[in-house]
Amino acid sequence: MTEVNYINKITMVQEEEIPTLKGPNPAKTLKNLGAFLFKRDFFQENRTSLTLLKENEPKQSRRNILKFLFKPKYRHEPIEEIEYKIAQEKSKRTLMKKLLTPLTILGFIIISIIVFITIFAPWLAPYSYVDISINRFTGSFQPPSKDHLLGTTEFGRDLLSRLIYGGRESLTAGIGAIIIGYGFGILFGVISAYFGGWVDKFIMRTFDLMLSFPGLILVMTIIAVMGRTMDNVLLAYGLITIPGIGRLMRGSVLQEKNKIYVDAAETAGAKHFRIMFNHILPNSISPIIISISFSMGGVILGVAGLNFIGLGEPDIVEWGYDVNVGSQHLFSAPWTILWPGLLIAMTALGFILLGDGLRDALDPKS
């Protein structure tokens, strides 16, 4: 047998033994995707793993076999790569399984509905923003009717339209306070934990001083000094959020600071900024992500509470302000306090449920 015929014969045998290398089958790919998403024992029964690799891979040379037998920790690179990919797929599936709980899905649906309504308020509200902001002094406290599905307020404003537009102020205040509080909290927390020494002491003592004052008292003081506007309310809640987030970030960074990859980055000559925010921060951000949802719900309740007690911006289209006005006519017009109060509670509940789901999925201690 000539050398050319021998090579052709070997090639034909390899093609018969390894049919999966000829190209992907779309139908089989969709079938495997469905099994991966919905079948619990997919990885135990799926043959596109290490077993299939060993069956399809050409026989190793005697040199590789000797390395496997006598060389400590020897691993064949293709097998190690497949094992890593399978571990990644298992990790992603486990994360999604923890996230997709009934309560987490319920929280996500509630938040999605509220956000959708507030974004498309001009198209969903029966009346414009101007119509629900002016004082009509006619048709006040009308019960639900065809023209006003949820009734009217003290000044004849359509309650449904005010509820749709009112979510904008609550969500804007919550998002703004989160950006301020978490932005500076993460920055100071990372710097404090990384450098230590007098930098750590100065930042932590400043946080202790801020935490020594009750949060509501500090917010009321800031508003009294700077004025009763939503921007100042947003700023006040952002400031009182910084110390707690900074201490949480500091504790998380301290756990990562002395690990091997940080020492390797320092040995390689990486700058402090790169080590802090490119290496340490991504590996210590999980507790911060978990707390964002809880903080968002707390800020929304706080903003509504300030407007309810009359310390927020006067005559604003916001749920807490509507509860304040409706509380004065609880028995004569109960709908004026029922619907805005229900929306405040549902929005806060949605963020809390979502936070519980994130904690169960991302926190290794849970």
Protein backbone atom coordinates (compact mmCIF):
# COMPACT_ATOMS: atom_id res chain seq x y z
CA MET A 1 0.00 0.00 0.00
CA THR A 2 1.41 3.33 -1.02
CA GLU A 3 1.84 6.20 1.43
CA VAL A 4 -0.86 8.29 -0.31
CA ASN A 5 -3.43 5.50 -0.10
CA TYR A 6 -2.57 4.93 3.55
CA ILE A 7 -3.12 8.61 4.39
CA ASN A 8 -6.45 8.65 2.51
CA LYS A 9 -7.61 5.56 4.40
CA ILE A 10 -6.71 7.11 7.75
CA THR A 11 -8.59 10.30 6.80
CA MET A 12 -11.73 8.33 5.85
CA VAL A 13 -11.64 6.44 9.16
CA GLN A 14 -11.28 9.65 11.15
CA GLU A 15 -14.21 11.26 9.30
CA GLU A 16 -16.41 8.23 10.02
CA GLU A 17 -15.45 8.17 13.72
CA ILE A 18 -15.91 11.93 14.25
CA PRO A 19 -19.15 12.95 12.53
CA THR A 20 -19.67 15.90 14.85
CA LEU A 21 -16.70 17.73 13.36
CA LYS A 22 -18.39 18.18 9.96
CA GLY A 23 -20.43 21.19 11.04
CA PRO A 24 -23.23 22.18 13.41
CA ASN A 25 -26.74 20.83 12.94
CA PRO A 26 -29.25 23.70 13.47
CA ALA A 27 -32.03 21.38 14.66
CA LYS A 28 -29.72 19.64 17.12
CA THR A 29 -28.38 22.99 18.34
CA LEU A 30 -31.91 24.24 19.14
CA LYS A 31 -32.70 20.94 20.85
CA ASN A 32 -29.57 21.17 23.03
CA LEU A 33 -30.38 24.81 23.85
CA GLY A 34 -33.86 23.85 25.03
CA ALA A 35 -32.44 20.99 27.11
CA PHE A 36 -29.86 23.32 28.64
CA LEU A 37 -32.55 25.82 29.69
CA PHE A 38 -35.23 23.47 30.96
CA LYS A 39 -33.69 20.05 31.67
CA ARG A 40 -32.23 19.71 35.15
CA ASP A 41 -29.80 16.82 34.46
CA PHE A 42 -28.57 18.18 31.14
CA PHE A 43 -24.87 18.10 32.01
CA GLN A 44 -25.03 14.55 33.38
CA GLU A 45 -26.75 13.20 30.25
CA ASN A 46 -25.25 15.48 27.59
CA ARG A 47 -22.54 13.73 25.62
CA THR A 48 -20.97 16.94 24.31
CA SER A 49 -18.68 17.05 27.34
CA LEU A 50 -15.49 15.29 28.40
CA THR A 51 -16.71 11.85 27.29
CA LEU A 52 -17.47 13.01 23.76
CA LEU A 53 -14.17 14.86 23.60
CA LYS A 54 -12.26 11.73 24.59
CA GLU A 55 -14.19 9.62 22.07
CA ASN A 56 -13.75 12.03 19.17
CA GLU A 57 -10.20 13.14 19.90
CA PRO A 58 -7.51 11.19 18.00
CA LYS A 59 -5.41 8.85 20.08
CA GLN A 60 -2.61 10.54 21.93
CA SER A 61 0.97 9.65 21.26
CA ARG A 62 2.95 7.53 23.66
CA ARG A 63 4.79 10.63 24.75
CA ASN A 64 1.57 12.26 25.98
CA ILE A 65 0.57 9.06 27.77
CA LEU A 66 3.93 8.93 29.53
CA LYS A 67 3.54 12.59 30.52
CA PHE A 68 0.10 11.84 31.96
CA LEU A 69 1.49 8.90 33.98
CA PHE A 70 4.70 10.39 35.30
CA LYS A 71 4.44 14.20 35.11
CA PRO A 72 2.70 15.70 38.17
CA LYS A 73 -0.44 17.75 37.44
CA TYR A 74 -0.19 17.14 33.69
CA ARG A 75 -3.42 17.98 31.86
CA HIS A 76 -4.17 17.88 28.19
CA GLU A 77 -5.04 21.43 27.11
CA PRO A 78 -8.21 20.72 25.04
CA ILE A 79 -9.73 18.70 27.91
CA GLU A 80 -8.93 21.44 30.42
CA GLU A 81 -10.51 24.05 28.14
CA ILE A 82 -13.73 22.03 27.77
CA GLU A 83 -13.90 21.47 31.53
CA TYR A 84 -13.60 25.23 32.07
CA LYS A 85 -16.41 25.96 29.60
CA ILE A 86 -18.67 23.37 31.22
CA ALA A 87 -17.99 24.86 34.66
CA GLN A 88 -18.90 28.31 33.30
CA GLU A 89 -22.18 27.00 31.89
CA LYS A 90 -23.01 25.30 35.19
CA SER A 91 -22.26 28.51 37.09
CA LYS A 92 -24.48 30.61 34.79
CA ARG A 93 -27.32 28.13 35.06
CA THR A 94 -27.05 28.02 38.85
CA LEU A 95 -27.15 31.83 39.01
CA MET A 96 -30.26 32.01 36.82
CA LYS A 97 -31.91 29.24 38.84
CA LYS A 98 -31.39 31.24 42.04
CA LEU A 99 -32.63 34.45 40.44
CA LEU A 100 -35.76 32.97 38.86
CA THR A 101 -37.74 32.53 42.06
CA PRO A 102 -41.43 33.49 42.25
CA LEU A 103 -40.86 36.42 44.61
CA THR A 104 -37.94 37.80 42.59
CA ILE A 105 -39.94 37.57 39.37
CA LEU A 106 -42.86 39.31 41.09
CA GLY A 107 -40.59 42.14 42.24
CA PHE A 108 -39.10 42.51 38.76
CA ILE A 109 -42.58 42.63 37.18
CA ILE A 110 -43.76 45.31 39.64
CA ILE A 111 -40.71 47.50 39.00
CA SER A 112 -40.95 47.01 35.23
CA ILE A 113 -44.60 48.09 35.20
CA ILE A 114 -43.90 51.19 37.32
CA VAL A 115 -40.92 52.20 35.16
CA PHE A 116 -42.88 51.63 31.94
CA ILE A 117 -45.81 53.74 33.16
CA THR A 118 -43.60 56.62 34.28
CA ILE A 119 -41.55 56.67 31.08
CA PHE A 120 -44.59 56.72 28.81
CA ALA A 121 -46.69 58.95 31.08
CA PRO A 122 -47.47 61.58 28.37
CA TRP A 123 -49.08 58.86 26.23
CA LEU A 124 -50.78 56.91 29.04
CA ALA A 125 -52.17 59.69 31.24
CA PRO A 126 -55.71 60.91 30.39
CA TYR A 127 -54.71 64.52 31.15
CA SER A 128 -51.52 66.47 30.52
CA TYR A 129 -49.02 67.51 33.17
CA VAL A 130 -50.29 71.11 33.02
CA ASP A 131 -53.89 70.03 33.59
CA ILE A 132 -53.00 68.13 36.77
CA SER A 133 -50.81 70.93 38.15
CA ILE A 134 -53.17 73.91 38.07
CA ASN A 135 -55.81 74.66 40.69
CA ARG A 136 -59.28 74.36 39.19
CA PHE A 137 -61.32 74.81 42.38
CA THR A 138 -64.18 73.05 40.55
CA GLY A 139 -65.11 69.39 40.67
CA SER A 140 -63.05 68.73 43.79
CA PHE A 141 -63.21 65.26 45.36
CA GLN A 142 -65.35 63.78 42.62
CA PRO A 143 -65.77 60.01 43.05
CA PRO A 144 -64.53 57.66 40.32
CA SER A 145 -66.44 58.21 37.09
CA LYS A 146 -66.12 57.88 33.33
CA ASP A 147 -64.19 61.13 32.99
CA HIS A 148 -62.03 60.50 36.07
CA LEU A 149 -61.48 56.77 36.56
CA LEU A 150 -59.96 57.15 40.04
CA GLY A 151 -61.71 60.37 41.02
CA THR A 152 -60.29 63.84 41.57
CA THR A 153 -58.26 65.56 44.28
CA GLU A 154 -58.92 68.61 46.42
CA PHE A 155 -58.42 71.02 43.52
CA GLY A 156 -60.29 68.99 40.90
CA ARG A 157 -57.17 67.36 39.45
CA ASP A 158 -57.46 63.93 37.84
CA LEU A 159 -56.02 61.44 40.32
CA LEU A 160 -55.09 58.77 37.76
CA SER A 161 -52.98 61.23 35.77
CA ARG A 162 -51.26 62.45 38.93
CA LEU A 163 -50.42 58.88 39.90
CA ILE A 164 -48.91 58.17 36.47
CA TYR A 165 -46.81 61.34 36.46
CA GLY A 166 -46.03 61.14 40.20
CA GLY A 167 -43.84 58.08 39.76
CA ARG A 168 -41.33 60.21 37.85
CA GLU A 169 -40.47 62.31 40.88
CA SER A 170 -40.15 59.29 43.19
CA LEU A 171 -37.98 57.26 40.81
CA THR A 172 -35.86 60.27 39.84
CA ALA A 173 -35.18 61.06 43.49
CA GLY A 174 -34.34 57.43 44.20
CA ILE A 175 -31.99 57.03 41.23
CA GLY A 176 -30.29 60.37 41.89
CA ALA A 177 -29.72 59.59 45.56
CA ILE A 178 -28.36 56.14 44.67
CA ILE A 179 -25.91 57.60 42.14
CA ILE A 180 -24.60 60.16 44.65
CA GLY A 181 -24.52 57.85 47.66
CA TYR A 182 -23.08 54.79 45.95
CA GLY A 183 -20.67 56.72 43.74
CA PHE A 184 -18.94 58.51 46.61
CA GLY A 185 -19.43 55.59 49.01
CA ILE A 186 -17.64 53.16 46.70
CA LEU A 187 -14.86 55.67 45.98
CA PHE A 188 -14.13 56.45 49.64
CA GLY A 189 -14.54 52.82 50.71
CA VAL A 190 -12.01 51.53 48.18
CA ILE A 191 -9.49 54.29 48.96
CA SER A 192 -9.85 53.78 52.71
CA ALA A 193 -9.34 50.02 52.60
CA TYR A 194 -6.53 50.06 50.03
CA PHE A 195 -4.26 52.70 51.55
CA GLY A 196 -5.09 52.19 55.22
CA GLY A 197 -3.19 54.19 57.83
CA TRP A 198 -4.19 57.78 58.46
CA VAL A 199 -6.27 57.84 55.25
CA ASP A 200 -8.42 55.01 56.56
CA LYS A 201 -8.75 56.59 60.00
CA PHE A 202 -9.72 60.00 58.64
CA ILE A 203 -12.40 58.64 56.29
CA MET A 204 -13.84 56.23 58.86
CA ARG A 205 -14.02 58.86 61.62
CA THR A 206 -15.82 61.19 59.20
CA PHE A 207 -18.31 58.43 58.43
CA ASP A 208 -18.77 57.75 62.15
CA LEU A 209 -19.54 61.43 62.71
CA MET A 210 -22.16 61.39 59.95
CA LEU A 211 -23.71 58.18 61.26
CA SER A 212 -23.98 59.62 64.76
CA PHE A 213 -26.83 61.86 63.56
CA PRO A 214 -30.22 60.29 62.78
CA GLY A 215 -30.69 60.18 59.03
CA LEU A 216 -34.07 61.93 59.03
CA ILE A 217 -32.75 64.76 61.23
CA LEU A 218 -29.81 65.27 58.88
CA VAL A 219 -32.11 65.33 55.84
CA MET A 220 -34.44 67.83 57.49
CA THR A 221 -31.48 70.04 58.42
CA ILE A 222 -30.13 70.06 54.86
CA ILE A 223 -33.56 70.88 53.45
CA ALA A 224 -34.11 73.65 56.00
CA VAL A 225 -30.77 75.24 55.09
CA MET A 226 -30.83 74.77 51.30
CA GLY A 227 -34.55 74.98 50.58
CA ARG A 228 -37.55 72.71 50.00
CA THR A 229 -36.90 71.44 46.50
CA MET A 230 -36.69 67.91 45.08
CA ASP A 231 -33.06 68.52 44.08
CA ASN A 232 -32.15 69.22 47.70
CA VAL A 233 -34.14 66.18 48.87
CA LEU A 234 -32.23 64.06 46.37
CA LEU A 235 -28.91 65.51 47.54
CA ALA A 236 -29.78 65.01 51.21
CA TYR A 237 -30.64 61.33 50.81
CA GLY A 238 -27.54 60.82 48.71
CA LEU A 239 -25.34 62.29 51.46
CA ILE A 240 -26.80 60.14 54.24
CA THR A 241 -26.29 57.04 52.06
CA ILE A 242 -22.53 57.59 51.63
CA PRO A 243 -21.29 56.44 55.10
CA GLY A 244 -23.11 53.10 55.11
CA ILE A 245 -22.05 52.22 51.58
CA GLY A 246 -18.49 53.36 52.27
CA ARG A 247 -18.16 51.08 55.29
CA LEU A 248 -19.70 48.17 53.38
CA MET A 249 -17.31 48.71 50.48
CA ARG A 250 -14.33 48.99 52.83
CA GLY A 251 -15.08 45.64 54.45
CA SER A 252 -15.45 43.93 51.08
CA VAL A 253 -12.18 45.41 49.75
CA LEU A 254 -10.27 44.37 52.88
CA GLN A 255 -11.17 40.74 52.11
CA GLU A 256 -9.71 41.05 48.60
CA LYS A 257 -6.74 43.30 49.34
CA ASN A 258 -4.31 40.59 50.48
CA LYS A 259 -5.07 38.00 47.82
CA ILE A 260 -2.48 36.70 45.38
CA TYR A 261 -3.75 38.48 42.28
CA VAL A 262 -3.33 41.85 44.02
CA ASP A 263 0.28 41.01 44.94
CA ALA A 264 0.88 39.91 41.35
CA ALA A 265 -0.47 43.20 40.00
CA GLU A 266 1.74 45.19 42.38
CA THR A 267 4.77 43.10 41.40
CA ALA A 268 4.02 43.71 37.73
CA GLY A 269 4.21 47.45 38.38
CA ALA A 270 0.51 48.32 38.05
CA LYS A 271 -0.52 51.75 39.32
CA HIS A 272 -2.63 52.12 42.46
CA PHE A 273 -5.63 53.38 40.51
CA ARG A 274 -5.54 50.37 38.19
CA ILE A 275 -5.21 47.91 41.05
CA MET A 276 -8.07 49.47 43.00
CA PHE A 277 -10.62 49.89 40.23
CA ASN A 278 -9.59 47.31 37.61
CA HIS A 279 -8.67 44.39 39.86
CA ILE A 280 -10.07 44.76 43.39
CA LEU A 281 -13.36 46.57 42.72
CA PRO A 282 -14.87 44.03 40.25
CA ASN A 283 -14.19 41.21 42.73
CA SER A 284 -15.68 43.03 45.73
CA ILE A 285 -18.74 44.72 44.22
CA SER A 286 -21.29 41.94 44.92
CA PRO A 287 -22.46 43.25 48.34
CA ILE A 288 -22.94 46.70 46.81
CA ILE A 289 -25.08 45.35 43.96
CA ILE A 290 -27.25 43.51 46.48
CA SER A 291 -27.80 46.60 48.61
CA ILE A 292 -28.78 48.90 45.71
CA SER A 293 -32.28 47.50 45.43
CA PHE A 294 -32.91 47.80 49.18
CA SER A 295 -31.59 51.37 49.21
CA MET A 296 -33.80 52.31 46.27
CA GLY A 297 -36.90 51.17 48.11
CA GLY A 298 -35.80 53.01 51.25
CA VAL A 299 -35.20 56.28 49.40
CA ILE A 300 -38.61 56.12 47.72
CA LEU A 301 -40.27 55.62 51.11
CA GLY A 302 -38.17 58.45 52.59
CA VAL A 303 -39.04 60.93 49.84
CA ALA A 304 -42.73 60.06 50.14
CA GLY A 305 -42.48 60.48 53.91
CA LEU A 306 -40.95 63.95 53.61
CA ASN A 307 -43.68 65.08 51.24
CA PHE A 308 -46.29 63.53 53.50
CA ILE A 309 -45.20 65.55 56.53
CA GLY A 310 -44.95 68.69 54.39
CA LEU A 311 -41.16 69.05 54.18
CA GLY A 312 -40.87 68.32 50.48
CA GLU A 313 -41.34 70.66 47.55
CA PRO A 314 -44.77 72.30 47.84
CA ASP A 315 -47.52 71.50 45.35
CA ILE A 316 -45.51 68.87 43.49
CA VAL A 317 -46.87 65.97 41.44
CA GLU A 318 -45.62 63.20 43.71
CA TRP A 319 -47.23 60.27 45.51
CA GLY A 320 -46.28 61.40 49.01
CA TYR A 321 -47.77 64.85 48.45
CA ASP A 322 -51.05 63.29 47.27
CA VAL A 323 -51.14 61.13 50.41
CA ASN A 324 -50.62 64.27 52.50
CA VAL A 325 -53.56 66.04 50.83
CA GLY A 326 -55.76 62.95 50.93
CA SER A 327 -55.12 62.27 54.62
CA GLN A 328 -57.05 65.42 55.49
CA HIS A 329 -60.15 63.94 53.81
CA LEU A 330 -59.73 60.29 54.71
CA PHE A 331 -63.42 59.53 55.29
CA SER A 332 -65.03 61.90 52.80
CA ALA A 333 -62.71 61.00 49.87
CA PRO A 334 -60.81 57.80 50.74
CA TRP A 335 -59.65 57.24 47.14
CA THR A 336 -57.32 60.25 47.39
CA ILE A 337 -55.12 58.45 49.92
CA LEU A 338 -55.75 54.82 48.95
CA TRP A 339 -54.24 54.76 45.46
CA PRO A 340 -51.06 56.83 46.03
CA GLY A 341 -50.37 54.96 49.26
CA LEU A 342 -50.81 51.64 47.46
CA LEU A 343 -48.38 52.66 44.71
CA ILE A 344 -45.74 53.72 47.25
CA ALA A 345 -46.04 50.40 49.06
CA MET A 346 -45.99 48.33 45.86
CA THR A 347 -42.93 50.12 44.47
CA ALA A 348 -40.97 49.71 47.69
CA LEU A 349 -42.05 46.06 47.90
CA GLY A 350 -40.89 45.43 44.34
CA PHE A 351 -37.37 46.72 45.06
CA ILE A 352 -37.20 44.76 48.32
CA LEU A 353 -38.22 41.49 46.62
CA LEU A 354 -35.68 42.08 43.86
CA GLY A 355 -33.01 42.76 46.48
CA ASP A 356 -33.82 39.48 48.23
CA GLY A 357 -33.39 37.63 44.95
CA LEU A 358 -30.05 39.30 44.22
CA ARG A 359 -28.83 38.49 47.72
CA ASP A 360 -29.73 34.80 47.37
CA ALA A 361 -28.05 34.62 43.96
CA LEU A 362 -24.87 36.64 44.56
CA ASP A 363 -24.13 36.26 48.27
CA PRO A 364 -22.16 33.02 48.86
CA LYS A 365 -23.15 33.03 52.53
CA SER A 366 -26.90 32.87 51.80
